[in-house]
PDB file of N, CA and C in Angstrom:
ATOM      1  N   UNK A   1     112.329 127.624 112.836  1.00  0.00           N
ATOM      2  CA  UNK A   1     113.463 126.756 112.854  1.00  0.00           C
ATOM      3  C   UNK A   1     113.133 125.409 113.524  1.00  0.00           C
ATOM      4  N   UNK A   2     113.425 124.321 112.847  1.00  0.00           N
ATOM      5  CA  UNK A   2     113.061 123.007 113.360  1.00  0.00           C
ATOM      6  C   UNK A   2     113.969 122.606 114.512  1.00  0.00           C
ATOM      7  N   UNK A   3     113.424 121.854 115.416  1.00  0.00           N
ATOM      8  CA  UNK A   3     114.180 121.308 116.531  1.00  0.00           C
ATOM      9  C   UNK A   3     114.880 120.045 116.134  1.00  0.00           C
ATOM     10  N   UNK A   4     115.901 119.727 116.856  1.00  0.00           N
ATOM     11  CA  UNK A   4     116.660 118.470 116.622  1.00  0.00           C
ATOM     12  C   UNK A   4     115.920 117.334 117.322  1.00  0.00           C
ATOM     13  N   UNK A   5     115.812 116.180 116.669  1.00  0.00           N
ATOM     14  CA  UNK A   5     115.152 115.046 117.290  1.00  0.00           C
ATOM     15  C   UNK A   5     116.168 114.009 117.797  1.00  0.00           C
ATOM     16  N   UNK A   6     115.896 113.524 118.985  1.00  0.00           N
ATOM     17  CA  UNK A   6     116.703 112.469 119.555  1.00  0.00           C
ATOM     18  C   UNK A   6     115.737 111.342 119.987  1.00  0.00           C
ATOM     19  N   UNK A   7     116.006 110.135 119.517  1.00  0.00           N
ATOM     20  CA  UNK A   7     115.104 109.020 119.779  1.00  0.00           C
ATOM     21  C   UNK A   7     115.676 108.119 120.823  1.00  0.00           C
ATOM     22  N   UNK A   8     114.919 107.858 121.908  1.00  0.00           N
ATOM     23  CA  UNK A   8     115.295 107.039 123.028  1.00  0.00           C
ATOM     24  C   UNK A   8     115.169 105.594 122.607  1.00  0.00           C
ATOM     25  N   UNK A   9     116.016 104.712 123.134  1.00  0.00           N
ATOM     26  CA  UNK A   9     116.018 103.272 122.821  1.00  0.00           C
ATOM     27  C   UNK A   9     114.674 102.652 123.244  1.00  0.00           C
ATOM     28  N   UNK A  10     114.111 103.129 124.325  1.00  0.00           N
ATOM     29  CA  UNK A  10     112.843 102.606 124.811  1.00  0.00           C
ATOM     30  C   UNK A  10     111.717 102.810 123.788  1.00  0.00           C
ATOM     31  N   UNK A  11     111.733 103.974 123.149  1.00  0.00           N
ATOM     32  CA  UNK A  11     110.737 104.305 122.113  1.00  0.00           C
ATOM     33  C   UNK A  11     110.887 103.373 120.914  1.00  0.00           C
ATOM     34  N   UNK A  12     112.141 103.093 120.528  1.00  0.00           N
ATOM     35  CA  UNK A  12     112.359 102.191 119.393  1.00  0.00           C
ATOM     36  C   UNK A  12     111.888 100.744 119.715  1.00  0.00           C
ATOM     37  N   UNK A  13     112.145 100.307 120.934  1.00  0.00           N
ATOM     38  CA  UNK A  13     111.716  98.957 121.326  1.00  0.00           C
ATOM     39  C   UNK A  13     110.175  98.881 121.398  1.00  0.00           C
ATOM     40  N   UNK A  14     109.556  99.930 121.962  1.00  0.00           N
ATOM     41  CA  UNK A  14     108.067  99.963 122.061  1.00  0.00           C
ATOM     42  C   UNK A  14     107.427  99.949 120.678  1.00  0.00           C
ATOM     43  N   UNK A  15     107.965 100.727 119.792  1.00  0.00           N
ATOM     44  CA  UNK A  15     107.468 100.826 118.403  1.00  0.00           C
ATOM     45  C   UNK A  15     107.609  99.509 117.685  1.00  0.00           C
ATOM     46  N   UNK A  16     108.773  98.847 117.889  1.00  0.00           N
ATOM     47  CA  UNK A  16     109.032  97.573 117.276  1.00  0.00           C
ATOM     48  C   UNK A  16     108.081  96.501 117.813  1.00  0.00           C
ATOM     49  N   UNK A  17     107.753  96.508 119.092  1.00  0.00           N
ATOM     50  CA  UNK A  17     106.811  95.559 119.660  1.00  0.00           C
ATOM     51  C   UNK A  17     105.415  95.746 119.102  1.00  0.00           C
ATOM     52  N   UNK A  18     104.978  96.984 118.966  1.00  0.00           N
ATOM     53  CA  UNK A  18     103.616  97.213 118.389  1.00  0.00           C
ATOM     54  C   UNK A  18     103.613  96.798 116.912  1.00  0.00           C
ATOM     55  N   UNK A  19     104.698  97.095 116.198  1.00  0.00           N
ATOM     56  CA  UNK A  19     104.743  96.672 114.765  1.00  0.00           C
ATOM     57  C   UNK A  19     104.605  95.161 114.651  1.00  0.00           C
ATOM     58  N   UNK A  20     105.374  94.445 115.451  1.00  0.00           N
ATOM     59  CA  UNK A  20     105.306  92.947 115.422  1.00  0.00           C
ATOM     60  C   UNK A  20     103.856  92.445 115.728  1.00  0.00           C
ATOM     61  N   UNK A  21     103.258  93.060 116.711  1.00  0.00           N
ATOM     62  CA  UNK A  21     101.923  92.652 117.057  1.00  0.00           C
ATOM     63  C   UNK A  21     100.956  92.860 115.909  1.00  0.00           C
ATOM     64  N   UNK A  22     100.978  94.073 115.329  1.00  0.00           N
ATOM     65  CA  UNK A  22     100.108  94.401 114.216  1.00  0.00           C
ATOM     66  C   UNK A  22     100.341  93.479 113.003  1.00  0.00           C
ATOM     67  N   UNK A  23     101.607  93.220 112.733  1.00  0.00           N
ATOM     68  CA  UNK A  23     101.930  92.379 111.552  1.00  0.00           C
ATOM     69  C   UNK A  23     101.425  90.931 111.770  1.00  0.00           C
ATOM     70  N   UNK A  24     101.544  90.419 112.995  1.00  0.00           N
ATOM     71  CA  UNK A  24     101.113  89.076 113.306  1.00  0.00           C
ATOM     72  C   UNK A  24      99.609  88.967 113.375  1.00  0.00           C
ATOM     73  N   UNK A  25      98.951  89.910 114.036  1.00  0.00           N
ATOM     74  CA  UNK A  25      97.524  89.832 114.303  1.00  0.00           C
ATOM     75  C   UNK A  25      96.683  90.394 113.138  1.00  0.00           C
ATOM     76  N   UNK A  26      97.227  91.368 112.396  1.00  0.00           N
ATOM     77  CA  UNK A  26      96.426  91.997 111.316  1.00  0.00           C
ATOM     78  C   UNK A  26      97.076  91.782 110.004  1.00  0.00           C
ATOM     79  N   UNK A  27      98.106  92.580 109.657  1.00  0.00           N
ATOM     80  CA  UNK A  27      98.810  92.430 108.388  1.00  0.00           C
ATOM     81  C   UNK A  27     100.024  93.341 108.390  1.00  0.00           C
ATOM     82  N   UNK A  28     100.903  93.039 107.488  1.00  0.00           N
ATOM     83  CA  UNK A  28     102.083  93.932 107.331  1.00  0.00           C
ATOM     84  C   UNK A  28     101.654  95.344 106.816  1.00  0.00           C
ATOM     85  N   UNK A  29     100.587  95.334 106.042  1.00  0.00           N
ATOM     86  CA  UNK A  29     100.096  96.647 105.539  1.00  0.00           C
ATOM     87  C   UNK A  29      99.651  97.515 106.687  1.00  0.00           C
ATOM     88  N   UNK A  30      98.904  96.978 107.630  1.00  0.00           N
ATOM     89  CA  UNK A  30      98.442  97.745 108.796  1.00  0.00           C
ATOM     90  C   UNK A  30      99.656  98.163 109.609  1.00  0.00           C
ATOM     91  N   UNK A  31     100.602  97.244 109.860  1.00  0.00           N
ATOM     92  CA  UNK A  31     101.808  97.555 110.604  1.00  0.00           C
ATOM     93  C   UNK A  31     102.610  98.676 109.953  1.00  0.00           C
ATOM     94  N   UNK A  32     102.739  98.633 108.618  1.00  0.00           N
ATOM     95  CA  UNK A  32     103.466  99.658 107.913  1.00  0.00           C
ATOM     96  C   UNK A  32     102.765 101.022 108.020  1.00  0.00           C
ATOM     97  N   UNK A  33     101.447 101.009 107.967  1.00  0.00           N
ATOM     98  CA  UNK A  33     100.688 102.254 108.123  1.00  0.00           C
ATOM     99  C   UNK A  33     100.890 102.831 109.504  1.00  0.00           C
ATOM    100  N   UNK A  34     100.953 101.981 110.518  1.00  0.00           N
ATOM    101  CA  UNK A  34     101.227 102.437 111.854  1.00  0.00           C
ATOM    102  C   UNK A  34     102.559 103.121 111.926  1.00  0.00           C
ATOM    103  N   UNK A  35     103.609 102.533 111.438  1.00  0.00           N
ATOM    104  CA  UNK A  35     104.930 103.105 111.452  1.00  0.00           C
ATOM    105  C   UNK A  35     104.980 104.422 110.709  1.00  0.00           C
ATOM    106  N   UNK A  36     104.210 104.516 109.613  1.00  0.00           N
ATOM    107  CA  UNK A  36     104.152 105.778 108.870  1.00  0.00           C
ATOM    108  C   UNK A  36     103.501 106.855 109.723  1.00  0.00           C
ATOM    109  N   UNK A  37     102.464 106.513 110.478  1.00  0.00           N
ATOM    110  CA  UNK A  37     101.798 107.486 111.365  1.00  0.00           C
ATOM    111  C   UNK A  37     102.792 107.928 112.456  1.00  0.00           C
ATOM    112  N   UNK A  38     103.562 107.003 113.032  1.00  0.00           N
ATOM    113  CA  UNK A  38     104.572 107.353 114.020  1.00  0.00           C
ATOM    114  C   UNK A  38     105.580 108.302 113.413  1.00  0.00           C
ATOM    115  N   UNK A  39     106.072 107.965 112.247  1.00  0.00           N
ATOM    116  CA  UNK A  39     107.122 108.797 111.545  1.00  0.00           C
ATOM    117  C   UNK A  39     106.603 110.205 111.332  1.00  0.00           C
ATOM    118  N   UNK A  40     105.376 110.315 110.820  1.00  0.00           N
ATOM    119  CA  UNK A  40     104.787 111.635 110.567  1.00  0.00           C
ATOM    120  C   UNK A  40     104.597 112.451 111.848  1.00  0.00           C
ATOM    121  N   UNK A  41     104.134 111.798 112.912  1.00  0.00           N
ATOM    122  CA  UNK A  41     103.922 112.484 114.217  1.00  0.00           C
ATOM    123  C   UNK A  41     105.228 112.976 114.771  1.00  0.00           C
ATOM    124  N   UNK A  42     106.268 112.132 114.733  1.00  0.00           N
ATOM    125  CA  UNK A  42     107.552 112.549 115.284  1.00  0.00           C
ATOM    126  C   UNK A  42     108.115 113.712 114.506  1.00  0.00           C
ATOM    127  N   UNK A  43     108.028 113.649 113.209  1.00  0.00           N
ATOM    128  CA  UNK A  43     108.601 114.750 112.407  1.00  0.00           C
ATOM    129  C   UNK A  43     107.784 116.028 112.468  1.00  0.00           C
ATOM    130  N   UNK A  44     106.495 115.944 112.762  1.00  0.00           N
ATOM    131  CA  UNK A  44     105.712 117.137 112.979  1.00  0.00           C
ATOM    132  C   UNK A  44     106.157 117.827 114.265  1.00  0.00           C
ATOM    133  N   UNK A  45     106.570 117.015 115.235  1.00  0.00           N
ATOM    134  CA  UNK A  45     107.009 117.606 116.502  1.00  0.00           C
ATOM    135  C   UNK A  45     108.228 118.474 116.310  1.00  0.00           C
ATOM    136  N   UNK A  46     109.070 118.137 115.362  1.00  0.00           N
ATOM    137  CA  UNK A  46     110.265 118.960 115.055  1.00  0.00           C
ATOM    138  C   UNK A  46     109.842 120.340 114.590  1.00  0.00           C
ATOM    139  N   UNK A  47     108.716 120.462 113.949  1.00  0.00           N
ATOM    140  CA  UNK A  47     108.216 121.783 113.493  1.00  0.00           C
ATOM    141  C   UNK A  47     107.349 122.450 114.535  1.00  0.00           C
ATOM    142  N   UNK A  48     106.548 121.689 115.276  1.00  0.00           N
ATOM    143  CA  UNK A  48     105.630 122.228 116.250  1.00  0.00           C
ATOM    144  C   UNK A  48     105.782 121.474 117.597  1.00  0.00           C
ATOM    145  N   UNK A  49     106.878 121.765 118.301  1.00  0.00           N
ATOM    146  CA  UNK A  49     107.231 120.976 119.475  1.00  0.00           C
ATOM    147  C   UNK A  49     106.254 121.085 120.662  1.00  0.00           C
ATOM    148  N   UNK A  50     105.540 122.169 120.739  1.00  0.00           N
ATOM    149  CA  UNK A  50     104.605 122.335 121.904  1.00  0.00           C
ATOM    150  C   UNK A  50     103.204 121.958 121.557  1.00  0.00           C
ATOM    151  N   UNK A  51     103.023 121.141 120.501  1.00  0.00           N
ATOM    152  CA  UNK A  51     101.683 120.686 120.102  1.00  0.00           C
ATOM    153  C   UNK A  51     101.103 119.710 121.145  1.00  0.00           C
ATOM    154  N   UNK A  52     101.976 118.974 121.816  1.00  0.00           N
ATOM    155  CA  UNK A  52     101.501 118.013 122.819  1.00  0.00           C
ATOM    156  C   UNK A  52     101.166 118.641 124.130  1.00  0.00           C
ATOM    157  N   UNK A  53     100.464 117.927 124.966  1.00  0.00           N
ATOM    158  CA  UNK A  53     100.051 118.414 126.249  1.00  0.00           C
ATOM    159  C   UNK A  53     101.014 117.987 127.350  1.00  0.00           C
ATOM    160  N   UNK A  54     101.256 118.822 128.360  1.00  0.00           N
ATOM    161  CA  UNK A  54     102.097 118.390 129.504  1.00  0.00           C
ATOM    162  C   UNK A  54     101.414 117.236 130.178  1.00  0.00           C
ATOM    163  N   UNK A  55     102.241 116.311 130.700  1.00  0.00           N
ATOM    164  CA  UNK A  55     101.733 115.199 131.424  1.00  0.00           C
ATOM    165  C   UNK A  55     101.417 115.536 132.850  1.00  0.00           C
ATOM    166  N   UNK A  56     100.625 114.695 133.530  1.00  0.00           N
ATOM    167  CA  UNK A  56     100.213 114.972 134.860  1.00  0.00           C
ATOM    168  C   UNK A  56     101.374 114.863 135.884  1.00  0.00           C
ATOM    169  N   UNK A  57     102.177 113.875 135.724  1.00  0.00           N
ATOM    170  CA  UNK A  57     103.244 113.604 136.745  1.00  0.00           C
ATOM    171  C   UNK A  57     104.481 114.394 136.505  1.00  0.00           C
ATOM    172  N   UNK A  58     104.736 114.799 135.282  1.00  0.00           N
ATOM    173  CA  UNK A  58     105.975 115.471 134.960  1.00  0.00           C
ATOM    174  C   UNK A  58     105.722 116.533 133.964  1.00  0.00           C
ATOM    175  N   UNK A  59     105.730 117.799 134.375  1.00  0.00           N
ATOM    176  CA  UNK A  59     105.374 118.924 133.468  1.00  0.00           C
ATOM    177  C   UNK A  59     106.451 119.167 132.398  1.00  0.00           C
ATOM    178  N   UNK A  60     107.604 118.558 132.529  1.00  0.00           N
ATOM    179  CA  UNK A  60     108.626 118.637 131.478  1.00  0.00           C
ATOM    180  C   UNK A  60     108.476 117.652 130.371  1.00  0.00           C
ATOM    181  N   UNK A  61     107.549 116.702 130.583  1.00  0.00           N
ATOM    182  CA  UNK A  61     107.281 115.716 129.573  1.00  0.00           C
ATOM    183  C   UNK A  61     105.892 115.991 128.956  1.00  0.00           C
ATOM    184  N   UNK A  62     105.824 115.853 127.650  1.00  0.00           N
ATOM    185  CA  UNK A  62     104.571 116.142 126.915  1.00  0.00           C
ATOM    186  C   UNK A  62     104.129 114.882 126.192  1.00  0.00           C
ATOM    187  N   UNK A  63     102.895 114.829 125.772  1.00  0.00           N
ATOM    188  CA  UNK A  63     102.397 113.687 125.013  1.00  0.00           C
ATOM    189  C   UNK A  63     101.538 114.118 123.853  1.00  0.00           C
ATOM    190  N   UNK A  64     101.536 113.296 122.825  1.00  0.00           N
ATOM    191  CA  UNK A  64     100.630 113.480 121.680  1.00  0.00           C
ATOM    192  C   UNK A  64     100.074 112.093 121.345  1.00  0.00           C
ATOM    193  N   UNK A  65      98.844 112.101 120.891  1.00  0.00           N
ATOM    194  CA  UNK A  65      98.214 110.826 120.469  1.00  0.00           C
ATOM    195  C   UNK A  65      98.588 110.612 118.980  1.00  0.00           C
ATOM    196  N   UNK A  66      98.985 109.356 118.725  1.00  0.00           N
ATOM    197  CA  UNK A  66      99.292 108.960 117.359  1.00  0.00           C
ATOM    198  C   UNK A  66      98.086 108.219 116.778  1.00  0.00           C
ATOM    199  N   UNK A  67      97.556 107.338 117.538  1.00  0.00           N
ATOM    200  CA  UNK A  67      96.327 106.626 117.146  1.00  0.00           C
ATOM    201  C   UNK A  67      95.415 106.647 118.394  1.00  0.00           C
ATOM    202  N   UNK A  68      94.285 106.022 118.266  1.00  0.00           N
ATOM    203  CA  UNK A  68      93.380 105.983 119.373  1.00  0.00           C
ATOM    204  C   UNK A  68      93.977 105.242 120.601  1.00  0.00           C
ATOM    205  N   UNK A  69      94.888 104.305 120.298  1.00  0.00           N
ATOM    206  CA  UNK A  69      95.476 103.478 121.360  1.00  0.00           C
ATOM    207  C   UNK A  69      96.917 103.748 121.656  1.00  0.00           C
ATOM    208  N   UNK A  70      97.530 104.721 121.066  1.00  0.00           N
ATOM    209  CA  UNK A  70      98.985 104.943 121.227  1.00  0.00           C
ATOM    210  C   UNK A  70      99.326 106.437 121.405  1.00  0.00           C
ATOM    211  N   UNK A  71     100.155 106.709 122.405  1.00  0.00           N
ATOM    212  CA  UNK A  71     100.645 108.050 122.652  1.00  0.00           C
ATOM    213  C   UNK A  71     102.173 108.048 122.656  1.00  0.00           C
ATOM    214  N   UNK A  72     102.680 109.145 122.156  1.00  0.00           N
ATOM    215  CA  UNK A  72     104.141 109.377 122.169  1.00  0.00           C
ATOM    216  C   UNK A  72     104.401 110.344 123.321  1.00  0.00           C
ATOM    217  N   UNK A  73     105.396 110.008 124.186  1.00  0.00           N
ATOM    218  CA  UNK A  73     105.850 110.875 125.236  1.00  0.00           C
ATOM    219  C   UNK A  73     107.239 111.463 124.891  1.00  0.00           C
ATOM    220  N   UNK A  74     107.352 112.722 125.101  1.00  0.00           N
ATOM    221  CA  UNK A  74     108.642 113.405 124.661  1.00  0.00           C
ATOM    222  C   UNK A  74     109.004 114.525 125.628  1.00  0.00           C
ATOM    223  N   UNK A  75     110.191 114.942 125.559  1.00  0.00           N
ATOM    224  CA  UNK A  75     110.696 116.057 126.420  1.00  0.00           C
ATOM    225  C   UNK A  75     111.429 117.048 125.504  1.00  0.00           C
ATOM    226  N   UNK A  76     111.258 118.318 125.820  1.00  0.00           N
ATOM    227  CA  UNK A  76     111.939 119.392 125.079  1.00  0.00           C
ATOM    228  C   UNK A  76     112.948 120.025 126.013  1.00  0.00           C
ATOM    229  N   UNK A  77     114.182 120.077 125.507  1.00  0.00           N
ATOM    230  CA  UNK A  77     115.263 120.747 126.251  1.00  0.00           C
ATOM    231  C   UNK A  77     116.098 121.563 125.269  1.00  0.00           C
ATOM    232  N   UNK A  78     116.009 122.880 125.430  1.00  0.00           N
ATOM    233  CA  UNK A  78     116.684 123.708 124.435  1.00  0.00           C
ATOM    234  C   UNK A  78     116.035 123.546 123.081  1.00  0.00           C
ATOM    235  N   UNK A  79     116.840 123.254 122.082  1.00  0.00           N
ATOM    236  CA  UNK A  79     116.329 123.006 120.723  1.00  0.00           C
ATOM    237  C   UNK A  79     116.315 121.545 120.406  1.00  0.00           C
ATOM    238  N   UNK A  80     116.287 120.685 121.393  1.00  0.00           N
ATOM    239  CA  UNK A  80     116.273 119.220 121.173  1.00  0.00           C
ATOM    240  C   UNK A  80     115.012 118.620 121.729  1.00  0.00           C
ATOM    241  N   UNK A  81     114.355 117.757 120.948  1.00  0.00           N
ATOM    242  CA  UNK A  81     113.212 117.017 121.409  1.00  0.00           C
ATOM    243  C   UNK A  81     113.637 115.598 121.542  1.00  0.00           C
ATOM    244  N   UNK A  82     113.502 115.044 122.753  1.00  0.00           N
ATOM    245  CA  UNK A  82     113.839 113.629 122.999  1.00  0.00           C
ATOM    246  C   UNK A  82     112.544 112.824 123.049  1.00  0.00           C
ATOM    247  N   UNK A  83     112.437 111.898 122.106  1.00  0.00           N
ATOM    248  CA  UNK A  83     111.265 111.012 122.083  1.00  0.00           C
ATOM    249  C   UNK A  83     111.494 109.933 123.077  1.00  0.00           C
ATOM    250  N   UNK A  84     110.687 109.880 124.142  1.00  0.00           N
ATOM    251  CA  UNK A  84     110.940 108.981 125.260  1.00  0.00           C
ATOM    252  C   UNK A  84     110.338 107.573 125.083  1.00  0.00           C
ATOM    253  N   UNK A  85     109.071 107.507 124.834  1.00  0.00           N
ATOM    254  CA  UNK A  85     108.410 106.217 124.805  1.00  0.00           C
ATOM    255  C   UNK A  85     107.145 106.278 124.009  1.00  0.00           C
ATOM    256  N   UNK A  86     106.637 105.103 123.626  1.00  0.00           N
ATOM    257  CA  UNK A  86     105.321 104.929 122.995  1.00  0.00           C
ATOM    258  C   UNK A  86     104.515 104.125 123.976  1.00  0.00           C
ATOM    259  N   UNK A  87     103.354 104.636 124.392  1.00  0.00           N
ATOM    260  CA  UNK A  87     102.540 103.916 125.379  1.00  0.00           C
ATOM    261  C   UNK A  87     101.240 103.558 124.718  1.00  0.00           C
ATOM    262  N   UNK A  88     100.867 102.303 124.921  1.00  0.00           N
ATOM    263  CA  UNK A  88      99.560 101.781 124.419  1.00  0.00           C
ATOM    264  C   UNK A  88      98.464 101.920 125.488  1.00  0.00           C
ATOM    265  N   UNK A  89      97.379 102.514 125.156  1.00  0.00           N
ATOM    266  CA  UNK A  89      96.326 102.729 126.141  1.00  0.00           C
ATOM    267  C   UNK A  89      95.735 101.429 126.629  1.00  0.00           C
ATOM    268  N   UNK A  90      95.894 100.360 125.909  1.00  0.00           N
ATOM    269  CA  UNK A  90      95.366  99.062 126.330  1.00  0.00           C
ATOM    270  C   UNK A  90      96.237  98.421 127.433  1.00  0.00           C
ATOM    271  N   UNK A  91      97.403  99.004 127.655  1.00  0.00           N
ATOM    272  CA  UNK A  91      98.259  98.460 128.704  1.00  0.00           C
ATOM    273  C   UNK A  91      97.744  98.896 130.061  1.00  0.00           C
ATOM    274  N   UNK A  92      98.259  98.282 131.094  1.00  0.00           N
ATOM    275  CA  UNK A  92      97.927  98.677 132.445  1.00  0.00           C
ATOM    276  C   UNK A  92      98.303 100.141 132.723  1.00  0.00           C
ATOM    277  N   UNK A  93      97.355 100.984 133.010  1.00  0.00           N
ATOM    278  CA  UNK A  93      97.635 102.414 133.282  1.00  0.00           C
ATOM    279  C   UNK A  93      98.639 102.628 134.379  1.00  0.00           C
ATOM    280  N   UNK A  94      98.759 101.721 135.301  1.00  0.00           N
ATOM    281  CA  UNK A  94      99.758 101.886 136.395  1.00  0.00           C
ATOM    282  C   UNK A  94     101.173 101.823 135.853  1.00  0.00           C
ATOM    283  N   UNK A  95     101.347 101.261 134.707  1.00  0.00           N
ATOM    284  CA  UNK A  95     102.700 101.181 134.085  1.00  0.00           C
ATOM    285  C   UNK A  95     103.106 102.468 133.429  1.00  0.00           C
ATOM    286  N   UNK A  96     102.165 103.376 133.234  1.00  0.00           N
ATOM    287  CA  UNK A  96     102.470 104.661 132.626  1.00  0.00           C
ATOM    288  C   UNK A  96     103.025 105.586 133.650  1.00  0.00           C
ATOM    289  N   UNK A  97     104.353 105.837 133.606  1.00  0.00           N
ATOM    290  CA  UNK A  97     104.984 106.695 134.665  1.00  0.00           C
ATOM    291  C   UNK A  97     104.815 108.168 134.410  1.00  0.00           C
ATOM    292  N   UNK A  98     104.119 108.535 133.339  1.00  0.00           N
ATOM    293  CA  UNK A  98     103.897 109.981 133.040  1.00  0.00           C
ATOM    294  C   UNK A  98     102.481 110.469 133.331  1.00  0.00           C
ATOM    295  N   UNK A  99     101.531 109.598 133.403  1.00  0.00           N
ATOM    296  CA  UNK A  99     100.139 110.047 133.590  1.00  0.00           C
ATOM    297  C   UNK A  99      99.648 109.564 134.986  1.00  0.00           C
TER     298      UNK A  99
END
């Protein structure tokens, strides 16, 4: 049975920022492929919620890698998966409150 997905506003904003960057610096094709990878990863979580690893600072939050430079952080509560944020590994690691 699939879990219900809940998307946090922070995740939407983070994804939008990465999309804009990719579209400006590379191309809309690359940016669209990135969004497709995000979409596939999020929907796979609904089927396999424990695929991600627990984070170091908060064992209730898990992470999965979407690309070499991007991780999705999420929380499972009951039958609901809350997608919290998208973190870019090129950012300052001190800004990552989960690792």
